[in-house]
Amino acid sequence: MERRRHRRFPFARHLRITGDPPLGELLVDARDVSERGLSFVSDVPMQIGELLILGLRKDEGFKVQIKVRNVRAEGARYVVGAERTSW
Protein backbone atom coordinates (compact mmCIF):
# COMPACT_ATOMS: atom_id res chain seq x y z
CA MET A 1 0.00 0.00 0.00
CA GLU A 2 1.36 3.42 -1.00
CA ARG A 3 1.63 5.77 2.00
CA ARG A 4 2.93 8.81 0.14
CA ARG A 5 0.59 11.76 -0.14
CA HIS A 6 2.15 13.29 -3.25
CA ARG A 7 3.36 11.81 -6.51
CA ARG A 8 7.14 11.50 -6.82
CA PHE A 9 9.23 12.45 -9.84
CA PRO A 10 12.79 11.21 -10.51
CA PHE A 11 15.37 13.93 -9.88
CA ALA A 12 19.07 13.09 -10.17
CA ARG A 13 21.27 15.96 -9.07
CA HIS A 14 23.96 16.74 -6.53
CA LEU A 15 22.60 18.95 -3.74
CA ARG A 16 24.29 20.81 -0.91
CA ILE A 17 22.92 20.16 2.58
CA THR A 18 23.92 22.28 5.56
CA GLY A 19 23.10 21.43 9.16
CA ASP A 20 24.22 22.17 12.67
CA PRO A 21 27.51 20.61 13.83
CA PRO A 22 28.61 17.92 13.65
CA LEU A 23 26.88 17.59 10.26
CA GLY A 24 28.16 20.83 8.73
CA GLU A 25 27.97 21.03 4.92
CA LEU A 26 27.96 18.04 2.59
CA LEU A 27 26.97 16.98 -0.89
CA VAL A 28 24.17 14.46 -1.33
CA ASP A 29 22.59 12.72 -4.32
CA ALA A 30 18.95 13.60 -4.94
CA ARG A 31 16.65 10.70 -5.90
CA ASP A 32 13.23 12.25 -6.39
CA VAL A 33 11.05 15.27 -5.65
CA SER A 34 7.37 15.74 -4.89
CA GLU A 35 5.04 18.66 -4.27
CA ARG A 36 6.20 18.99 -0.65
CA GLY A 37 9.58 17.31 -0.41
CA LEU A 38 12.37 15.19 -1.74
CA SER A 39 14.52 12.18 -1.03
CA PHE A 40 18.28 11.99 -1.25
CA VAL A 41 21.12 9.62 -0.47
CA SER A 42 23.80 10.57 2.03
CA ASP A 43 26.97 8.96 3.35
CA VAL A 44 26.10 10.43 6.77
CA PRO A 45 23.06 9.48 8.89
CA MET A 46 20.63 12.24 9.89
CA GLN A 47 18.09 12.48 12.68
CA ILE A 48 14.32 12.55 12.16
CA GLY A 49 13.14 16.09 12.90
CA GLU A 50 16.52 17.63 12.07
CA LEU A 51 16.30 20.99 10.27
CA LEU A 52 18.63 21.44 7.30
CA ILE A 53 19.28 24.01 4.60
CA LEU A 54 19.07 22.63 1.07
CA GLY A 55 20.93 24.36 -1.72
CA LEU A 56 21.80 23.65 -5.32
CA ARG A 57 25.46 22.82 -5.66
CA LYS A 58 26.28 25.65 -8.06
CA ASP A 59 23.59 28.23 -7.18
CA GLU A 60 24.20 30.23 -4.01
CA GLY A 61 20.88 32.08 -4.45
CA PHE A 62 18.67 29.01 -3.97
CA LYS A 63 18.27 27.89 -0.36
CA VAL A 64 15.30 26.18 1.30
CA GLN A 65 14.83 24.91 4.84
CA ILE A 66 13.83 21.24 5.03
CA LYS A 67 12.97 18.89 7.87
CA VAL A 68 14.04 15.25 7.92
CA ARG A 69 10.95 13.01 7.98
CA ASN A 70 12.48 9.55 7.60
CA VAL A 71 15.86 7.84 7.31
CA ARG A 72 16.72 4.29 6.31
CA ALA A 73 20.00 2.51 5.76
CA GLU A 74 20.71 1.26 2.26
CA GLY A 75 24.00 -0.60 2.26
CA ALA A 76 26.66 1.77 3.57
CA ARG A 77 24.56 4.86 2.76
CA TYR A 78 21.33 6.43 4.04
CA VAL A 79 18.16 7.32 2.14
CA VAL A 80 16.66 10.47 3.66
CA GLY A 81 13.14 11.77 3.08
CA ALA A 82 12.66 15.45 3.85
CA GLU A 83 9.88 18.00 3.57
CA ARG A 84 10.05 21.74 2.93
CA THR A 85 9.21 23.59 6.17
CA SER A 86 7.65 26.77 4.77
CA TRP A 87 5.69 27.80 1.68
PDB file of N, CA and C in Angstrom:
ATOM      1  N   MET A   1       0.833  -1.197   0.000  1.00  0.00           N
ATOM      2  CA  MET A   1       0.000   0.000   0.000  1.00  0.00           C
ATOM      3  C   MET A   1       0.873   1.255   0.000  1.00  0.00           C
ATOM      4  N   GLU A   2       0.595   2.168  -0.879  1.00  0.00           N
ATOM      5  CA  GLU A   2       1.356   3.416  -1.002  1.00  0.00           C
ATOM      6  C   GLU A   2       0.942   4.388   0.093  1.00  0.00           C
ATOM      7  N   ARG A   3       1.918   4.844   0.903  1.00  0.00           N
ATOM      8  CA  ARG A   3       1.635   5.770   2.001  1.00  0.00           C
ATOM      9  C   ARG A   3       1.929   7.217   1.633  1.00  0.00           C
ATOM     10  N   ARG A   4       2.572   7.437   0.524  1.00  0.00           N
ATOM     11  CA  ARG A   4       2.930   8.809   0.141  1.00  0.00           C
ATOM     12  C   ARG A   4       1.700   9.604  -0.239  1.00  0.00           C
ATOM     13  N   ARG A   5       1.716  10.875   0.148  1.00  0.00           N
ATOM     14  CA  ARG A   5       0.587  11.761  -0.143  1.00  0.00           C
ATOM     15  C   ARG A   5       0.701  12.444  -1.491  1.00  0.00           C
ATOM     16  N   HIS A   6       1.928  12.564  -2.000  1.00  0.00           N
ATOM     17  CA  HIS A   6       2.150  13.288  -3.247  1.00  0.00           C
ATOM     18  C   HIS A   6       2.969  12.434  -4.215  1.00  0.00           C
ATOM     19  N   ARG A   7       2.653  12.556  -5.477  1.00  0.00           N
ATOM     20  CA  ARG A   7       3.362  11.810  -6.507  1.00  0.00           C
ATOM     21  C   ARG A   7       4.830  12.225  -6.544  1.00  0.00           C
ATOM     22  N   ARG A   8       5.709  11.264  -6.750  1.00  0.00           N
ATOM     23  CA  ARG A   8       7.145  11.503  -6.815  1.00  0.00           C
ATOM     24  C   ARG A   8       7.623  11.515  -8.262  1.00  0.00           C
ATOM     25  N   PHE A   9       8.642  12.347  -8.516  1.00  0.00           N
ATOM     26  CA  PHE A   9       9.235  12.451  -9.841  1.00  0.00           C
ATOM     27  C   PHE A   9      10.740  12.259  -9.715  1.00  0.00           C
ATOM     28  N   PRO A  10      11.334  11.414 -10.558  1.00  0.00           N
ATOM     29  CA  PRO A  10      12.786  11.212 -10.506  1.00  0.00           C
ATOM     30  C   PRO A  10      13.528  12.542 -10.641  1.00  0.00           C
ATOM     31  N   PHE A  11      14.590  12.692  -9.869  1.00  0.00           N
ATOM     32  CA  PHE A  11      15.374  13.926  -9.881  1.00  0.00           C
ATOM     33  C   PHE A  11      16.796  13.563  -9.482  1.00  0.00           C
ATOM     34  N   ALA A  12      17.684  13.466 -10.437  1.00  0.00           N
ATOM     35  CA  ALA A  12      19.071  13.090 -10.169  1.00  0.00           C
ATOM     36  C   ALA A  12      19.953  14.322 -10.262  1.00  0.00           C
ATOM     37  N   ARG A  13      20.436  14.761  -9.115  1.00  0.00           N
ATOM     38  CA  ARG A  13      21.269  15.957  -9.074  1.00  0.00           C
ATOM     39  C   ARG A  13      22.046  15.958  -7.761  1.00  0.00           C
ATOM     40  N   HIS A  14      23.218  16.560  -7.773  1.00  0.00           N
ATOM     41  CA  HIS A  14      23.961  16.742  -6.525  1.00  0.00           C
ATOM     42  C   HIS A  14      23.406  17.973  -5.830  1.00  0.00           C
ATOM     43  N   LEU A  15      23.118  17.843  -4.535  1.00  0.00           N
ATOM     44  CA  LEU A  15      22.599  18.951  -3.745  1.00  0.00           C
ATOM     45  C   LEU A  15      23.527  19.210  -2.571  1.00  0.00           C
ATOM     46  N   ARG A  16      23.509  20.427  -2.083  1.00  0.00           N
ATOM     47  CA  ARG A  16      24.286  20.807  -0.914  1.00  0.00           C
ATOM     48  C   ARG A  16      23.347  20.869   0.286  1.00  0.00           C
ATOM     49  N   ILE A  17      23.693  20.176   1.340  1.00  0.00           N
ATOM     50  CA  ILE A  17      22.917  20.159   2.575  1.00  0.00           C
ATOM     51  C   ILE A  17      23.783  20.770   3.672  1.00  0.00           C
ATOM     52  N   THR A  18      23.204  21.677   4.447  1.00  0.00           N
ATOM     53  CA  THR A  18      23.920  22.281   5.563  1.00  0.00           C
ATOM     54  C   THR A  18      23.100  22.097   6.827  1.00  0.00           C
ATOM     55  N   GLY A  19      23.764  21.636   7.883  1.00  0.00           N
ATOM     56  CA  GLY A  19      23.100  21.433   9.159  1.00  0.00           C
ATOM     57  C   GLY A  19      23.999  21.871  10.297  1.00  0.00           C
ATOM     58  N   ASP A  20      23.442  21.830  11.481  1.00  0.00           N
ATOM     59  CA  ASP A  20      24.216  22.174  12.666  1.00  0.00           C
ATOM     60  C   ASP A  20      25.334  21.155  12.868  1.00  0.00           C
ATOM     61  N   PRO A  21      26.432  21.570  13.522  1.00  0.00           N
ATOM     62  CA  PRO A  21      27.508  20.614  13.825  1.00  0.00           C
ATOM     63  C   PRO A  21      26.941  19.440  14.629  1.00  0.00           C
ATOM     64  N   PRO A  22      27.411  18.277  14.406  1.00  0.00           N
ATOM     65  CA  PRO A  22      28.612  17.923  13.653  1.00  0.00           C
ATOM     66  C   PRO A  22      28.380  17.715  12.158  1.00  0.00           C
ATOM     67  N   LEU A  23      27.161  17.849  11.666  1.00  0.00           N
ATOM     68  CA  LEU A  23      26.882  17.590  10.255  1.00  0.00           C
ATOM     69  C   LEU A  23      27.624  18.554   9.339  1.00  0.00           C
ATOM     70  N   GLY A  24      27.497  19.850   9.584  1.00  0.00           N
ATOM     71  CA  GLY A  24      28.155  20.834   8.729  1.00  0.00           C
ATOM     72  C   GLY A  24      27.563  20.844   7.336  1.00  0.00           C
ATOM     73  N   GLU A  25      28.423  20.975   6.308  1.00  0.00           N
ATOM     74  CA  GLU A  25      27.971  21.027   4.922  1.00  0.00           C
ATOM     75  C   GLU A  25      28.454  19.784   4.189  1.00  0.00           C
ATOM     76  N   LEU A  26      27.567  19.192   3.384  1.00  0.00           N
ATOM     77  CA  LEU A  26      27.958  18.040   2.592  1.00  0.00           C
ATOM     78  C   LEU A  26      27.148  17.964   1.318  1.00  0.00           C
ATOM     79  N   LEU A  27      27.675  17.218   0.359  1.00  0.00           N
ATOM     80  CA  LEU A  27      26.973  16.980  -0.893  1.00  0.00           C
ATOM     81  C   LEU A  27      26.226  15.662  -0.793  1.00  0.00           C
ATOM     82  N   VAL A  28      24.996  15.658  -1.312  1.00  0.00           N
ATOM     83  CA  VAL A  28      24.167  14.455  -1.326  1.00  0.00           C
ATOM     84  C   VAL A  28      23.642  14.250  -2.744  1.00  0.00           C
ATOM     85  N   ASP A  29      23.142  13.055  -3.009  1.00  0.00           N
ATOM     86  CA  ASP A  29      22.594  12.724  -4.323  1.00  0.00           C
ATOM     87  C   ASP A  29      21.076  12.669  -4.245  1.00  0.00           C
ATOM     88  N   ALA A  30      20.409  13.591  -4.921  1.00  0.00           N
ATOM     89  CA  ALA A  30      18.947  13.600  -4.939  1.00  0.00           C
ATOM     90  C   ALA A  30      18.444  12.363  -5.682  1.00  0.00           C
ATOM     91  N   ARG A  31      17.287  11.845  -5.237  1.00  0.00           N
ATOM     92  CA  ARG A  31      16.646  10.703  -5.900  1.00  0.00           C
ATOM     93  C   ARG A  31      15.343  11.099  -6.570  1.00  0.00           C
ATOM     94  N   ASP A  32      14.506  11.832  -5.825  1.00  0.00           N
ATOM     95  CA  ASP A  32      13.228  12.253  -6.390  1.00  0.00           C
ATOM     96  C   ASP A  32      12.697  13.465  -5.647  1.00  0.00           C
ATOM     97  N   VAL A  33      11.710  14.115  -6.261  1.00  0.00           N
ATOM     98  CA  VAL A  33      11.054  15.268  -5.651  1.00  0.00           C
ATOM     99  C   VAL A  33       9.547  15.061  -5.737  1.00  0.00           C
ATOM    100  N   SER A  34       8.832  15.753  -4.860  1.00  0.00           N
ATOM    101  CA  SER A  34       7.373  15.744  -4.888  1.00  0.00           C
ATOM    102  C   SER A  34       6.897  17.166  -4.630  1.00  0.00           C
ATOM    103  N   GLU A  35       5.620  17.333  -4.525  1.00  0.00           N
ATOM    104  CA  GLU A  35       5.042  18.658  -4.274  1.00  0.00           C
ATOM    105  C   GLU A  35       5.568  19.268  -2.980  1.00  0.00           C
ATOM    106  N   ARG A  36       5.811  18.459  -1.960  1.00  0.00           N
ATOM    107  CA  ARG A  36       6.201  18.985  -0.653  1.00  0.00           C
ATOM    108  C   ARG A  36       7.595  18.611  -0.189  1.00  0.00           C
ATOM    109  N   GLY A  37       8.287  17.729  -0.918  1.00  0.00           N
ATOM    110  CA  GLY A  37       9.580  17.311  -0.405  1.00  0.00           C
ATOM    111  C   GLY A  37      10.455  16.620  -1.417  1.00  0.00           C
ATOM    112  N   LEU A  38      11.433  15.890  -0.898  1.00  0.00           N
ATOM    113  CA  LEU A  38      12.372  15.188  -1.739  1.00  0.00           C
ATOM    114  C   LEU A  38      13.015  14.048  -0.964  1.00  0.00           C
ATOM    115  N   SER A  39      13.687  13.178  -1.683  1.00  0.00           N
ATOM    116  CA  SER A  39      14.518  12.179  -1.031  1.00  0.00           C
ATOM    117  C   SER A  39      15.907  12.282  -1.634  1.00  0.00           C
ATOM    118  N   PHE A  40      16.896  11.947  -0.806  1.00  0.00           N
ATOM    119  CA  PHE A  40      18.277  11.992  -1.254  1.00  0.00           C
ATOM    120  C   PHE A  40      19.063  10.920  -0.525  1.00  0.00           C
ATOM    121  N   VAL A  41      20.247  10.630  -1.050  1.00  0.00           N
ATOM    122  CA  VAL A  41      21.123   9.620  -0.474  1.00  0.00           C
ATOM    123  C   VAL A  41      22.343  10.319   0.096  1.00  0.00           C
ATOM    124  N   SER A  42      22.694   9.941   1.318  1.00  0.00           N
ATOM    125  CA  SER A  42      23.801  10.568   2.033  1.00  0.00           C
ATOM    126  C   SER A  42      24.743   9.502   2.581  1.00  0.00           C
ATOM    127  N   ASP A  43      26.006   9.847   2.704  1.00  0.00           N
ATOM    128  CA  ASP A  43      26.973   8.964   3.354  1.00  0.00           C
ATOM    129  C   ASP A  43      26.889   9.081   4.873  1.00  0.00           C
ATOM    130  N   VAL A  44      26.184  10.111   5.339  1.00  0.00           N
ATOM    131  CA  VAL A  44      26.100  10.428   6.767  1.00  0.00           C
ATOM    132  C   VAL A  44      24.656  10.260   7.240  1.00  0.00           C
ATOM    133  N   PRO A  45      24.431   9.586   8.379  1.00  0.00           N
ATOM    134  CA  PRO A  45      23.062   9.481   8.886  1.00  0.00           C
ATOM    135  C   PRO A  45      22.563  10.819   9.416  1.00  0.00           C
ATOM    136  N   MET A  46      21.256  11.023   9.372  1.00  0.00           N
ATOM    137  CA  MET A  46      20.632  12.241   9.889  1.00  0.00           C
ATOM    138  C   MET A  46      19.522  11.837  10.845  1.00  0.00           C
ATOM    139  N   GLN A  47      19.102  12.764  11.672  1.00  0.00           N
ATOM    140  CA  GLN A  47      18.089  12.483  12.678  1.00  0.00           C
ATOM    141  C   GLN A  47      16.714  12.946  12.205  1.00  0.00           C
ATOM    142  N   ILE A  48      15.690  12.145  12.464  1.00  0.00           N
ATOM    143  CA  ILE A  48      14.319  12.553  12.164  1.00  0.00           C
ATOM    144  C   ILE A  48      14.016  13.824  12.951  1.00  0.00           C
ATOM    145  N   GLY A  49      13.445  14.803  12.281  1.00  0.00           N
ATOM    146  CA  GLY A  49      13.144  16.091  12.899  1.00  0.00           C
ATOM    147  C   GLY A  49      14.241  17.126  12.722  1.00  0.00           C
ATOM    148  N   GLU A  50      15.399  16.718  12.267  1.00  0.00           N
ATOM    149  CA  GLU A  50      16.523  17.633  12.074  1.00  0.00           C
ATOM    150  C   GLU A  50      16.193  18.655  10.983  1.00  0.00           C
ATOM    151  N   LEU A  51      16.499  19.924  11.243  1.00  0.00           N
ATOM    152  CA  LEU A  51      16.300  20.994  10.266  1.00  0.00           C
ATOM    153  C   LEU A  51      17.597  21.206   9.501  1.00  0.00           C
ATOM    154  N   LEU A  52      17.479  21.284   8.181  1.00  0.00           N
ATOM    155  CA  LEU A  52      18.628  21.444   7.302  1.00  0.00           C
ATOM    156  C   LEU A  52      18.358  22.553   6.299  1.00  0.00           C
ATOM    157  N   ILE A  53      19.415  23.065   5.707  1.00  0.00           N
ATOM    158  CA  ILE A  53      19.285  24.013   4.602  1.00  0.00           C
ATOM    159  C   ILE A  53      19.715  23.279   3.333  1.00  0.00           C
ATOM    160  N   LEU A  54      18.826  23.282   2.355  1.00  0.00           N
ATOM    161  CA  LEU A  54      19.066  22.635   1.068  1.00  0.00           C
ATOM    162  C   LEU A  54      19.456  23.693   0.056  1.00  0.00           C
ATOM    163  N   GLY A  55      20.509  23.436  -0.674  1.00  0.00           N
ATOM    164  CA  GLY A  55      20.928  24.361  -1.725  1.00  0.00           C
ATOM    165  C   GLY A  55      21.344  23.588  -2.958  1.00  0.00           C
ATOM    166  N   LEU A  56      21.270  24.243  -4.098  1.00  0.00           N
ATOM    167  CA  LEU A  56      21.797  23.650  -5.320  1.00  0.00           C
ATOM    168  C   LEU A  56      23.310  23.812  -5.288  1.00  0.00           C
ATOM    169  N   ARG A  57      24.001  22.844  -5.762  1.00  0.00           N
ATOM    170  CA  ARG A  57      25.456  22.818  -5.664  1.00  0.00           C
ATOM    171  C   ARG A  57      26.126  24.047  -6.269  1.00  0.00           C
ATOM    172  N   LYS A  58      25.608  24.540  -7.377  1.00  0.00           N
ATOM    173  CA  LYS A  58      26.276  25.647  -8.063  1.00  0.00           C
ATOM    174  C   LYS A  58      25.455  26.934  -8.075  1.00  0.00           C
ATOM    175  N   ASP A  59      24.446  27.043  -7.206  1.00  0.00           N
ATOM    176  CA  ASP A  59      23.592  28.234  -7.183  1.00  0.00           C
ATOM    177  C   ASP A  59      23.442  28.722  -5.749  1.00  0.00           C
ATOM    178  N   GLU A  60      24.238  29.705  -5.375  1.00  0.00           N
ATOM    179  CA  GLU A  60      24.203  30.233  -4.006  1.00  0.00           C
ATOM    180  C   GLU A  60      22.894  30.936  -3.675  1.00  0.00           C
ATOM    181  N   GLY A  61      22.119  31.337  -4.681  1.00  0.00           N
ATOM    182  CA  GLY A  61      20.885  32.078  -4.452  1.00  0.00           C
ATOM    183  C   GLY A  61      19.690  31.211  -4.093  1.00  0.00           C
ATOM    184  N   PHE A  62      19.800  29.902  -4.262  1.00  0.00           N
ATOM    185  CA  PHE A  62      18.673  29.013  -3.974  1.00  0.00           C
ATOM    186  C   PHE A  62      18.940  28.264  -2.680  1.00  0.00           C
ATOM    187  N   LYS A  63      18.162  28.580  -1.641  1.00  0.00           N
ATOM    188  CA  LYS A  63      18.273  27.894  -0.357  1.00  0.00           C
ATOM    189  C   LYS A  63      16.876  27.712   0.224  1.00  0.00           C
ATOM    190  N   VAL A  64      16.610  26.517   0.733  1.00  0.00           N
ATOM    191  CA  VAL A  64      15.303  26.176   1.300  1.00  0.00           C
ATOM    192  C   VAL A  64      15.531  25.392   2.584  1.00  0.00           C
ATOM    193  N   GLN A  65      14.745  25.700   3.608  1.00  0.00           N
ATOM    194  CA  GLN A  65      14.828  24.913   4.841  1.00  0.00           C
ATOM    195  C   GLN A  65      13.977  23.660   4.686  1.00  0.00           C
ATOM    196  N   ILE A  66      14.547  22.514   5.072  1.00  0.00           N
ATOM    197  CA  ILE A  66      13.831  21.243   5.030  1.00  0.00           C
ATOM    198  C   ILE A  66      13.928  20.557   6.386  1.00  0.00           C
ATOM    199  N   LYS A  67      12.985  19.655   6.618  1.00  0.00           N
ATOM    200  CA  LYS A  67      12.966  18.892   7.867  1.00  0.00           C
ATOM    201  C   LYS A  67      13.004  17.408   7.523  1.00  0.00           C
ATOM    202  N   VAL A  68      13.900  16.679   8.165  1.00  0.00           N
ATOM    203  CA  VAL A  68      14.043  15.249   7.922  1.00  0.00           C
ATOM    204  C   VAL A  68      12.810  14.526   8.466  1.00  0.00           C
ATOM    205  N   ARG A  69      12.156  13.750   7.610  1.00  0.00           N
ATOM    206  CA  ARG A  69      10.948  13.005   7.985  1.00  0.00           C
ATOM    207  C   ARG A  69      11.204  11.517   8.171  1.00  0.00           C
ATOM    208  N   ASN A  70      12.151  10.962   7.414  1.00  0.00           N
ATOM    209  CA  ASN A  70      12.483   9.548   7.602  1.00  0.00           C
ATOM    210  C   ASN A  70      13.892   9.283   7.095  1.00  0.00           C
ATOM    211  N   VAL A  71      14.500   8.244   7.661  1.00  0.00           N
ATOM    212  CA  VAL A  71      15.861   7.843   7.306  1.00  0.00           C
ATOM    213  C   VAL A  71      15.912   6.324   7.333  1.00  0.00           C
ATOM    214  N   ARG A  72      16.530   5.742   6.297  1.00  0.00           N
ATOM    215  CA  ARG A  72      16.718   4.288   6.313  1.00  0.00           C
ATOM    216  C   ARG A  72      18.076   3.968   5.711  1.00  0.00           C
ATOM    217  N   ALA A  73      18.703   2.962   6.273  1.00  0.00           N
ATOM    218  CA  ALA A  73      19.997   2.513   5.757  1.00  0.00           C
ATOM    219  C   ALA A  73      19.781   1.769   4.451  1.00  0.00           C
ATOM    220  N   GLU A  74      20.702   1.988   3.531  1.00  0.00           N
ATOM    221  CA  GLU A  74      20.706   1.262   2.260  1.00  0.00           C
ATOM    222  C   GLU A  74      22.169   0.940   1.968  1.00  0.00           C
ATOM    223  N   GLY A  75      22.576  -0.254   2.349  1.00  0.00           N
ATOM    224  CA  GLY A  75      23.997  -0.596   2.261  1.00  0.00           C
ATOM    225  C   GLY A  75      24.774   0.271   3.227  1.00  0.00           C
ATOM    226  N   ALA A  76      25.834   0.899   2.734  1.00  0.00           N
ATOM    227  CA  ALA A  76      26.661   1.767   3.574  1.00  0.00           C
ATOM    228  C   ALA A  76      26.182   3.213   3.565  1.00  0.00           C
ATOM    229  N   ARG A  77      25.077   3.490   2.867  1.00  0.00           N
ATOM    230  CA  ARG A  77      24.564   4.857   2.758  1.00  0.00           C
ATOM    231  C   ARG A  77      23.184   4.966   3.411  1.00  0.00           C
ATOM    232  N   TYR A  78      22.625   6.172   3.409  1.00  0.00           N
ATOM    233  CA  TYR A  78      21.329   6.431   4.038  1.00  0.00           C
ATOM    234  C   TYR A  78      20.407   7.141   3.054  1.00  0.00           C
ATOM    235  N   VAL A  79      19.175   6.658   2.956  1.00  0.00           N
ATOM    236  CA  VAL A  79      18.160   7.324   2.145  1.00  0.00           C
ATOM    237  C   VAL A  79      17.356   8.203   3.086  1.00  0.00           C
ATOM    238  N   VAL A  80      17.299   9.490   2.788  1.00  0.00           N
ATOM    239  CA  VAL A  80      16.658  10.470   3.657  1.00  0.00           C
ATOM    240  C   VAL A  80      15.462  11.070   2.926  1.00  0.00           C
ATOM    241  N   GLY A  81      14.315  11.083   3.588  1.00  0.00           N
ATOM    242  CA  GLY A  81      13.136  11.766   3.080  1.00  0.00           C
ATOM    243  C   GLY A  81      12.958  13.043   3.863  1.00  0.00           C
ATOM    244  N   ALA A  82      12.782  14.149   3.178  1.00  0.00           N
ATOM    245  CA  ALA A  82      12.656  15.448   3.846  1.00  0.00           C
ATOM    246  C   ALA A  82      11.548  16.248   3.209  1.00  0.00           C
ATOM    247  N   GLU A  83      11.000  17.172   4.008  1.00  0.00           N
ATOM    248  CA  GLU A  83       9.884  18.000   3.569  1.00  0.00           C
ATOM    249  C   GLU A  83      10.236  19.473   3.757  1.00  0.00           C
ATOM    250  N   ARG A  84       9.845  20.298   2.813  1.00  0.00           N
ATOM    251  CA  ARG A  84      10.053  21.737   2.932  1.00  0.00           C
ATOM    252  C   ARG A  84       9.259  22.244   4.131  1.00  0.00           C
ATOM    253  N   THR A  85       9.855  23.163   4.925  1.00  0.00           N
ATOM    254  CA  THR A  85       9.206  23.589   6.166  1.00  0.00           C
ATOM    255  C   THR A  85       8.300  24.798   5.992  1.00  0.00           C
ATOM    256  N   SER A  86       8.507  25.600   4.943  1.00  0.00           N
ATOM    257  CA  SER A  86       7.654  26.775   4.771  1.00  0.00           C
ATOM    258  C   SER A  86       7.294  26.945   3.305  1.00  0.00           C
ATOM    259  N   TRP A  87       6.177  27.596   3.053  1.00  0.00           N
ATOM    260  CA  TRP A  87       5.693  27.800   1.685  1.00  0.00           C
ATOM    261  C   TRP A  87       5.476  29.236   1.463  1.00  0.00           C
TER     262      TRP A  87
END
